[in-house]
C-alpha atoms as a PDB file:
ATOM      1  CA  MET A   1     -15.987 -28.026   3.585  1.00  0.00           C
ATOM      2  CA  GLN A   2     -15.580 -29.474   0.103  1.00  0.00           C
ATOM      3  CA  HIS A   3     -17.285 -26.535  -1.563  1.00  0.00           C
ATOM      4  CA  ASN A   4     -14.710 -24.241   0.078  1.00  0.00           C
ATOM      5  CA  LEU A   5     -11.716 -26.206  -1.172  1.00  0.00           C
ATOM      6  CA  PRO A   6     -11.494 -24.624  -4.671  1.00  0.00           C
ATOM      7  CA  ALA A   7     -11.663 -21.115  -3.198  1.00  0.00           C
ATOM      8  CA  TRP A   8      -9.005 -21.972  -0.621  1.00  0.00           C
ATOM      9  CA  LEU A   9      -6.702 -23.441  -3.279  1.00  0.00           C
ATOM     10  CA  ILE A  10      -7.120 -20.373  -5.493  1.00  0.00           C
ATOM     11  CA  TRP A  11      -6.389 -18.095  -2.504  1.00  0.00           C
ATOM     12  CA  ALA A  12      -3.233 -20.070  -1.673  1.00  0.00           C
ATOM     13  CA  PHE A  13      -2.068 -20.121  -5.307  1.00  0.00           C
ATOM     14  CA  VAL A  14      -2.549 -16.366  -5.764  1.00  0.00           C
ATOM     15  CA  HIS A  15      -0.729 -15.550  -2.525  1.00  0.00           C
ATOM     16  CA  LEU A  16       2.159 -17.818  -3.441  1.00  0.00           C
ATOM     17  CA  LEU A  17       2.400 -16.176  -6.871  1.00  0.00           C
ATOM     18  CA  PHE A  18       2.953 -12.783  -5.304  1.00  0.00           C
ATOM     19  CA  LEU A  19       5.964 -14.003  -3.323  1.00  0.00           C
ATOM     20  CA  ILE A  20       9.289 -13.175  -4.907  1.00  0.00           C
ATOM     21  CA  GLY A  21      11.632 -16.065  -5.628  1.00  0.00           C
ATOM     22  CA  PHE A  22      11.186 -19.804  -5.801  1.00  0.00           C
ATOM     23  CA  ARG A  23      12.737 -20.393  -2.395  1.00  0.00           C
ATOM     24  CA  ASN A  24      10.262 -18.054  -0.669  1.00  0.00           C
ATOM     25  CA  ARG A  25       7.365 -19.798  -2.393  1.00  0.00           C
ATOM     26  CA  TYR A  26       8.666 -23.243  -1.464  1.00  0.00           C
ATOM     27  CA  VAL A  27       9.332 -22.335   2.181  1.00  0.00           C
ATOM     28  CA  THR A  28       5.928 -20.687   2.566  1.00  0.00           C
ATOM     29  CA  LEU A  29       4.124 -23.630   0.993  1.00  0.00           C
ATOM     30  CA  PHE A  30       6.004 -26.038   3.265  1.00  0.00           C
ATOM     31  CA  GLN A  31       5.195 -23.942   6.360  1.00  0.00           C
ATOM     32  CA  TRP A  32       1.507 -23.800   5.429  1.00  0.00           C
ATOM     33  CA  ALA A  33       1.386 -27.553   4.819  1.00  0.00           C
ATOM     34  CA  TRP A  34       3.224 -28.332   8.072  1.00  0.00           C
ATOM     35  CA  SER A  35       0.919 -26.059  10.061  1.00  0.00           C
ATOM     36  CA  TYR A  36      -2.126 -27.661   8.471  1.00  0.00           C
ATOM     37  CA  LEU A  37      -0.963 -31.243   8.989  1.00  0.00           C
ATOM     38  CA  THR A  38       0.258 -30.799  12.576  1.00  0.00           C
ATOM     39  CA  PHE A  39      -2.452 -28.346  13.685  1.00  0.00           C
ATOM     40  CA  GLU A  40       0.297 -26.091  15.042  1.00  0.00           C
ATOM     41  CA  ARG A  41      -1.120 -22.707  14.251  1.00  0.00           C
ATOM     42  CA  GLU A  42       0.931 -19.744  15.366  1.00  0.00           C
ATOM     43  CA  ALA A  43      -0.836 -16.637  16.535  1.00  0.00           C
ATOM     44  CA  CYS A  44       0.482 -13.218  15.674  1.00  0.00           C
ATOM     45  CA  LEU A  45      -0.683 -10.566  18.077  1.00  0.00           C
ATOM     46  CA  VAL A  46       0.150  -6.923  17.597  1.00  0.00           C
ATOM     47  CA  SER A  47      -0.774  -4.922  20.630  1.00  0.00           C
ATOM     48  CA  TYR A  48      -0.884  -1.209  21.342  1.00  0.00           C
ATOM     49  CA  GLU A  49       2.252  -1.451  23.513  1.00  0.00           C
ATOM     50  CA  ASP A  50       4.192  -2.959  20.605  1.00  0.00           C
ATOM     51  CA  GLU A  51       3.161  -0.099  18.337  1.00  0.00           C
ATOM     52  CA  GLU A  52       4.235   2.494  20.899  1.00  0.00           C
ATOM     53  CA  ALA A  53       7.609   0.787  21.359  1.00  0.00           C
ATOM     54  CA  LEU A  54       8.189   0.773  17.600  1.00  0.00           C
ATOM     55  CA  ARG A  55       7.298   4.455  17.332  1.00  0.00           C
ATOM     56  CA  SER A  56       9.688   5.410  20.133  1.00  0.00           C
ATOM     57  CA  GLN A  57      12.488   3.365  18.578  1.00  0.00           C
ATOM     58  CA  ALA A  58      11.883   4.968  15.195  1.00  0.00           C
ATOM     59  CA  SER A  59      11.865   8.475  16.635  1.00  0.00           C
ATOM     60  CA  ARG A  60      15.139   7.802  18.495  1.00  0.00           C
ATOM     61  CA  ALA A  61      16.718   6.450  15.306  1.00  0.00           C
ATOM     62  CA  HIS A  62      15.803   9.565  13.335  1.00  0.00           C
ATOM     63  CA  SER A  63      17.042  11.975  16.017  1.00  0.00           C
END
């Protein structure tokens, strides 16, 4: 795991750099640290039904 640490830190630093604003960077860093320390990893699942619902909402909004 130790040989992966520099790559992980570089990845985190680069992704934080691309966030706009200090507050967004701070909040994201805090969320990442909290998730890592508490092992509370959230899963984000995008399913086919969600995509269809979004398309139908978008088409109704443009009509």
